[in-house]
Amino acid sequence: MKQNENAGFFERVYQVTCLIPPGRVSTYGAIARYLGSPGSARMVGWALNNCHSGGLFIPAHRVVNRNGLLTGKHHFGTTGAMEQLLANENIKVEGDRVIEFARLFWDPSGELR
């Protein structure tokens, strides 16, 4: 993707991420699939790594890897910040993994029709 294509993709990632309800989590891959780019899970991660500089609140803490792991936690300032943000929404994490991941999983392809 070229620079301006990245910007458009990143914006679409932010729009979808903002739709994840509090108390639910999604994955990089689910967001990529919803956006029509099933092989772009890492690009979703890059977008969310950059979302903190835009001035708007993007709930990137609600996006985890396909196994429910907090793989992006080091992008939240401190290693415990992502877990704390999830805990504030009553999402339990143990060993950097969302407990009850399957129950809390929010799939934009099924939820946004």
N, C-alpha and C. Protein backbone atom coordinates (compact mmCIF):
# COMPACT_ATOMS: atom_id res chain seq x y z
N MET A 1 0.84 -1.19 0.00
CA MET A 1 0.00 0.00 0.00
C MET A 1 0.88 1.24 0.00
N LYS A 2 0.42 2.23 -0.70
CA LYS A 2 1.13 3.51 -0.72
C LYS A 2 0.72 4.33 0.49
N GLN A 3 1.46 5.41 0.74
CA GLN A 3 1.22 6.24 1.92
C GLN A 3 -0.23 6.71 2.03
N ASN A 4 -0.82 7.26 0.95
CA ASN A 4 -2.19 7.76 1.05
C ASN A 4 -3.19 6.61 1.18
N GLU A 5 -2.87 5.42 0.61
CA GLU A 5 -3.72 4.26 0.82
C GLU A 5 -3.68 3.81 2.27
N ASN A 6 -2.49 3.88 2.88
CA ASN A 6 -2.35 3.55 4.30
C ASN A 6 -3.24 4.46 5.14
N ALA A 7 -3.23 5.75 4.84
CA ALA A 7 -4.02 6.72 5.62
C ALA A 7 -5.50 6.36 5.55
N GLY A 8 -5.99 6.03 4.35
CA GLY A 8 -7.40 5.65 4.22
C GLY A 8 -7.71 4.36 4.95
N PHE A 9 -6.82 3.39 4.87
CA PHE A 9 -7.00 2.12 5.57
C PHE A 9 -6.99 2.35 7.08
N PHE A 10 -6.02 3.14 7.54
CA PHE A 10 -5.93 3.44 8.98
C PHE A 10 -7.22 4.08 9.47
N GLU A 11 -7.76 5.04 8.72
CA GLU A 11 -9.01 5.71 9.11
C GLU A 11 -10.15 4.71 9.22
N ARG A 12 -10.22 3.77 8.29
CA ARG A 12 -11.27 2.76 8.33
C ARG A 12 -11.09 1.84 9.53
N VAL A 13 -9.83 1.52 9.86
CA VAL A 13 -9.56 0.72 11.06
C VAL A 13 -10.06 1.46 12.29
N TYR A 14 -9.78 2.76 12.36
CA TYR A 14 -10.21 3.55 13.52
C TYR A 14 -11.73 3.59 13.62
N GLN A 15 -12.41 3.74 12.49
CA GLN A 15 -13.87 3.78 12.50
C GLN A 15 -14.46 2.48 13.04
N VAL A 16 -13.94 1.36 12.59
CA VAL A 16 -14.44 0.06 13.06
C VAL A 16 -14.10 -0.13 14.54
N THR A 17 -12.88 0.21 14.92
CA THR A 17 -12.46 0.04 16.31
C THR A 17 -13.34 0.84 17.26
N CYS A 18 -13.75 2.01 16.83
CA CYS A 18 -14.63 2.84 17.67
C CYS A 18 -16.01 2.23 17.86
N LEU A 19 -16.37 1.27 17.03
CA LEU A 19 -17.68 0.62 17.14
C LEU A 19 -17.68 -0.59 18.07
N ILE A 20 -16.49 -1.04 18.50
CA ILE A 20 -16.42 -2.16 19.43
C ILE A 20 -17.05 -1.71 20.75
N PRO A 21 -18.09 -2.39 21.19
CA PRO A 21 -18.75 -1.96 22.43
C PRO A 21 -17.86 -2.13 23.66
N PRO A 22 -18.02 -1.26 24.64
CA PRO A 22 -17.30 -1.46 25.91
C PRO A 22 -17.62 -2.85 26.46
N GLY A 23 -16.62 -3.50 27.01
CA GLY A 23 -16.82 -4.83 27.58
C GLY A 23 -16.69 -5.95 26.56
N ARG A 24 -16.34 -5.62 25.33
CA ARG A 24 -16.15 -6.61 24.27
C ARG A 24 -14.77 -6.42 23.66
N VAL A 25 -14.27 -7.43 22.98
CA VAL A 25 -12.99 -7.35 22.30
C VAL A 25 -13.12 -7.88 20.87
N SER A 26 -12.26 -7.40 20.02
CA SER A 26 -12.17 -7.91 18.65
C SER A 26 -10.71 -8.26 18.38
N THR A 27 -10.44 -8.67 17.15
CA THR A 27 -9.07 -9.05 16.80
C THR A 27 -8.61 -8.26 15.59
N TYR A 28 -7.30 -8.21 15.43
CA TYR A 28 -6.70 -7.55 14.27
C TYR A 28 -7.23 -8.20 12.99
N GLY A 29 -7.26 -9.52 12.97
CA GLY A 29 -7.70 -10.26 11.80
C GLY A 29 -9.17 -10.05 11.47
N ALA A 30 -10.02 -10.01 12.49
CA ALA A 30 -11.45 -9.80 12.26
C ALA A 30 -11.70 -8.43 11.66
N ILE A 31 -10.98 -7.44 12.12
CA ILE A 31 -11.12 -6.10 11.56
C ILE A 31 -10.62 -6.07 10.13
N ALA A 32 -9.48 -6.71 9.87
CA ALA A 32 -8.94 -6.76 8.50
C ALA A 32 -9.92 -7.46 7.56
N ARG A 33 -10.49 -8.58 7.99
CA ARG A 33 -11.47 -9.29 7.15
C ARG A 33 -12.67 -8.41 6.85
N TYR A 34 -13.17 -7.72 7.88
CA TYR A 34 -14.33 -6.85 7.69
C TYR A 34 -14.03 -5.75 6.66
N LEU A 35 -12.80 -5.27 6.67
CA LEU A 35 -12.41 -4.20 5.75
C LEU A 35 -12.04 -4.72 4.36
N GLY A 36 -12.21 -6.02 4.14
CA GLY A 36 -11.94 -6.59 2.84
C GLY A 36 -10.48 -6.86 2.55
N SER A 37 -9.66 -6.88 3.60
CA SER A 37 -8.22 -7.14 3.46
C SER A 37 -7.82 -8.24 4.43
N PRO A 38 -8.28 -9.49 4.19
CA PRO A 38 -8.06 -10.55 5.17
C PRO A 38 -6.60 -10.84 5.51
N GLY A 39 -5.67 -10.47 4.66
CA GLY A 39 -4.26 -10.70 4.95
C GLY A 39 -3.57 -9.52 5.62
N SER A 40 -4.35 -8.56 6.10
CA SER A 40 -3.77 -7.32 6.62
C SER A 40 -3.89 -7.14 8.13
N ALA A 41 -3.90 -8.23 8.88
CA ALA A 41 -4.01 -8.11 10.34
C ALA A 41 -2.87 -7.27 10.92
N ARG A 42 -1.65 -7.45 10.40
CA ARG A 42 -0.52 -6.65 10.90
C ARG A 42 -0.70 -5.18 10.59
N MET A 43 -1.28 -4.89 9.44
CA MET A 43 -1.52 -3.50 9.08
C MET A 43 -2.54 -2.87 10.04
N VAL A 44 -3.52 -3.65 10.47
CA VAL A 44 -4.47 -3.17 11.48
C VAL A 44 -3.70 -2.85 12.76
N GLY A 45 -2.77 -3.73 13.14
CA GLY A 45 -1.95 -3.47 14.31
C GLY A 45 -1.13 -2.21 14.18
N TRP A 46 -0.55 -1.99 13.00
CA TRP A 46 0.23 -0.77 12.78
C TRP A 46 -0.66 0.46 12.90
N ALA A 47 -1.85 0.37 12.35
CA ALA A 47 -2.79 1.50 12.45
C ALA A 47 -3.09 1.81 13.91
N LEU A 48 -3.36 0.77 14.69
CA LEU A 48 -3.70 0.99 16.09
C LEU A 48 -2.49 1.45 16.89
N ASN A 49 -1.29 1.05 16.50
CA ASN A 49 -0.09 1.55 17.17
C ASN A 49 0.06 3.05 16.97
N ASN A 50 -0.45 3.56 15.86
CA ASN A 50 -0.33 4.98 15.53
C ASN A 50 -1.52 5.82 15.96
N CYS A 51 -2.56 5.20 16.48
CA CYS A 51 -3.79 5.94 16.76
C CYS A 51 -3.67 6.89 17.95
N HIS A 52 -2.67 6.72 18.77
CA HIS A 52 -2.54 7.55 19.97
C HIS A 52 -2.06 8.96 19.66
N SER A 53 -1.58 9.18 18.45
CA SER A 53 -1.03 10.49 18.11
C SER A 53 -2.04 11.41 17.45
N GLY A 54 -3.25 10.93 17.17
CA GLY A 54 -4.23 11.72 16.43
C GLY A 54 -5.08 12.65 17.26
N GLY A 55 -5.06 12.52 18.55
CA GLY A 55 -5.86 13.40 19.40
C GLY A 55 -7.25 12.86 19.72
N LEU A 56 -7.76 11.93 18.93
CA LEU A 56 -9.05 11.32 19.20
C LEU A 56 -8.85 10.04 20.01
N PHE A 57 -9.85 9.70 20.81
CA PHE A 57 -9.77 8.46 21.57
C PHE A 57 -10.23 7.30 20.69
N ILE A 58 -9.33 6.38 20.42
CA ILE A 58 -9.63 5.16 19.69
C ILE A 58 -9.45 4.03 20.70
N PRO A 59 -10.47 3.22 20.97
CA PRO A 59 -10.35 2.18 22.00
C PRO A 59 -9.53 0.98 21.53
N ALA A 60 -8.28 1.23 21.21
CA ALA A 60 -7.38 0.19 20.69
C ALA A 60 -7.16 -0.92 21.71
N HIS A 61 -7.39 -0.64 22.98
CA HIS A 61 -7.22 -1.67 24.01
C HIS A 61 -8.21 -2.82 23.83
N ARG A 62 -9.27 -2.61 23.06
CA ARG A 62 -10.27 -3.65 22.82
C ARG A 62 -9.90 -4.59 21.68
N VAL A 63 -8.72 -4.40 21.10
CA VAL A 63 -8.28 -5.24 19.98
C VAL A 63 -7.09 -6.08 20.44
N VAL A 64 -7.25 -7.39 20.30
CA VAL A 64 -6.24 -8.35 20.76
C VAL A 64 -5.93 -9.31 19.60
N ASN A 65 -5.02 -10.22 19.82
CA ASN A 65 -4.73 -11.16 18.73
C ASN A 65 -5.78 -12.27 18.70
N ARG A 66 -5.68 -13.15 17.74
CA ARG A 66 -6.71 -14.18 17.50
C ARG A 66 -6.86 -15.17 18.64
N ASN A 67 -5.89 -15.21 19.55
CA ASN A 67 -5.97 -16.08 20.72
C ASN A 67 -6.36 -15.33 21.98
N GLY A 68 -6.70 -14.06 21.83
CA GLY A 68 -7.07 -13.25 23.00
C GLY A 68 -5.89 -12.67 23.75
N LEU A 69 -4.70 -12.74 23.17
CA LEU A 69 -3.51 -12.22 23.84
C LEU A 69 -3.36 -10.72 23.63
N LEU A 70 -2.86 -10.04 24.64
CA LEU A 70 -2.62 -8.60 24.59
C LEU A 70 -1.28 -8.32 23.93
N THR A 71 -1.17 -8.62 22.66
CA THR A 71 0.11 -8.49 21.96
C THR A 71 0.51 -7.04 21.74
N GLY A 72 -0.42 -6.11 21.80
CA GLY A 72 -0.10 -4.70 21.59
C GLY A 72 0.10 -3.91 22.87
N LYS A 73 0.21 -4.59 24.00
CA LYS A 73 0.24 -3.90 25.30
C LYS A 73 1.40 -2.93 25.46
N HIS A 74 2.50 -3.18 24.79
CA HIS A 74 3.66 -2.30 24.95
C HIS A 74 3.48 -0.95 24.25
N HIS A 75 2.38 -0.75 23.54
CA HIS A 75 2.11 0.52 22.88
C HIS A 75 1.21 1.44 23.72
N PHE A 76 0.98 1.08 24.96
CA PHE A 76 0.07 1.86 25.81
C PHE A 76 0.79 2.63 26.92
N GLY A 77 2.06 2.87 26.76
CA GLY A 77 2.80 3.67 27.74
C GLY A 77 3.44 2.83 28.82
N THR A 78 2.64 2.03 29.50
CA THR A 78 3.17 1.10 30.50
C THR A 78 2.63 -0.29 30.18
N THR A 79 3.32 -1.32 30.63
CA THR A 79 2.90 -2.68 30.29
C THR A 79 1.55 -3.05 30.89
N GLY A 80 1.14 -2.39 31.96
CA GLY A 80 -0.14 -2.72 32.58
C GLY A 80 -1.31 -1.86 32.13
N ALA A 81 -1.06 -0.86 31.30
CA ALA A 81 -2.12 0.09 30.93
C ALA A 81 -3.24 -0.57 30.12
N MET A 82 -2.90 -1.40 29.15
CA MET A 82 -3.93 -2.05 28.33
C MET A 82 -4.80 -2.96 29.20
N GLU A 83 -4.16 -3.72 30.05
CA GLU A 83 -4.91 -4.60 30.96
C GLU A 83 -5.82 -3.79 31.87
N GLN A 84 -5.33 -2.65 32.36
CA GLN A 84 -6.15 -1.82 33.24
C GLN A 84 -7.36 -1.23 32.50
N LEU A 85 -7.14 -0.79 31.26
CA LEU A 85 -8.26 -0.28 30.46
C LEU A 85 -9.32 -1.36 30.24
N LEU A 86 -8.89 -2.58 30.00
CA LEU A 86 -9.83 -3.69 29.86
C LEU A 86 -10.53 -3.99 31.18
N ALA A 87 -9.78 -3.97 32.27
CA ALA A 87 -10.36 -4.21 33.59
C ALA A 87 -11.42 -3.16 33.92
N ASN A 88 -11.20 -1.92 33.49
CA ASN A 88 -12.18 -0.86 33.70
C ASN A 88 -13.50 -1.16 33.02
N GLU A 89 -13.47 -2.07 32.03
CA GLU A 89 -14.68 -2.46 31.31
C GLU A 89 -15.13 -3.87 31.72
N ASN A 90 -14.63 -4.32 32.87
CA ASN A 90 -14.96 -5.64 33.42
C ASN A 90 -14.51 -6.79 32.55
N ILE A 91 -13.44 -6.59 31.80
CA ILE A 91 -12.84 -7.67 31.02
C ILE A 91 -11.65 -8.19 31.82
N LYS A 92 -11.73 -9.45 32.17
CA LYS A 92 -10.67 -10.05 32.99
C LYS A 92 -9.55 -10.59 32.09
N VAL A 93 -8.33 -10.35 32.54
CA VAL A 93 -7.13 -10.79 31.82
C VAL A 93 -6.27 -11.57 32.80
N GLU A 94 -5.76 -12.69 32.33
CA GLU A 94 -4.85 -13.49 33.14
C GLU A 94 -3.71 -13.96 32.25
N GLY A 95 -2.48 -13.70 32.67
CA GLY A 95 -1.33 -14.10 31.86
C GLY A 95 -1.34 -13.45 30.48
N ASP A 96 -1.75 -12.17 30.44
CA ASP A 96 -1.83 -11.40 29.19
C ASP A 96 -2.85 -11.96 28.20
N ARG A 97 -3.83 -12.74 28.67
CA ARG A 97 -4.85 -13.32 27.80
C ARG A 97 -6.24 -12.98 28.35
N VAL A 98 -7.13 -12.58 27.46
CA VAL A 98 -8.50 -12.26 27.86
C VAL A 98 -9.20 -13.55 28.28
N ILE A 99 -9.71 -13.54 29.51
CA ILE A 99 -10.50 -14.66 30.01
C ILE A 99 -11.87 -14.59 29.33
N GLU A 100 -12.41 -15.73 28.99
CA GLU A 100 -13.70 -15.82 28.29
C GLU A 100 -13.67 -15.09 26.95
N PHE A 101 -12.54 -15.21 26.27
CA PHE A 101 -12.36 -14.54 24.98
C PHE A 101 -13.49 -14.86 24.00
N ALA A 102 -13.85 -16.13 23.87
CA ALA A 102 -14.89 -16.52 22.90
C ALA A 102 -16.22 -15.83 23.20
N ARG A 103 -16.55 -15.70 24.47
CA ARG A 103 -17.82 -15.06 24.86
C ARG A 103 -17.78 -13.55 24.61
N LEU A 104 -16.63 -12.93 24.78
CA LEU A 104 -16.49 -11.48 24.66
C LEU A 104 -16.15 -11.02 23.24
N PHE A 105 -15.84 -11.98 22.36
CA PHE A 105 -15.40 -11.64 21.00
C PHE A 105 -16.52 -10.94 20.22
N TRP A 106 -16.15 -9.81 19.63
CA TRP A 106 -17.04 -9.02 18.79
C TRP A 106 -16.51 -9.06 17.37
N ASP A 107 -17.26 -9.67 16.47
CA ASP A 107 -16.84 -9.83 15.08
C ASP A 107 -17.58 -8.79 14.24
N PRO A 108 -16.87 -7.79 13.70
CA PRO A 108 -17.57 -6.76 12.93
C PRO A 108 -18.32 -7.32 11.72
N SER A 109 -17.82 -8.42 11.15
CA SER A 109 -18.50 -8.99 9.98
C SER A 109 -19.89 -9.51 10.33
N GLY A 110 -20.08 -9.95 11.55
CA GLY A 110 -21.38 -10.43 12.00
C GLY A 110 -22.23 -9.35 12.65
N GLU A 111 -21.57 -8.39 13.27
CA GLU A 111 -22.28 -7.35 14.03
C GLU A 111 -22.68 -6.15 13.18
N LEU A 112 -21.88 -5.85 12.15
CA LEU A 112 -22.14 -4.68 11.31
C LEU A 112 -22.58 -5.17 9.93
N ARG A 113 -23.84 -5.14 9.70
CA ARG A 113 -24.37 -5.60 8.40
C ARG A 113 -25.01 -4.47 7.66
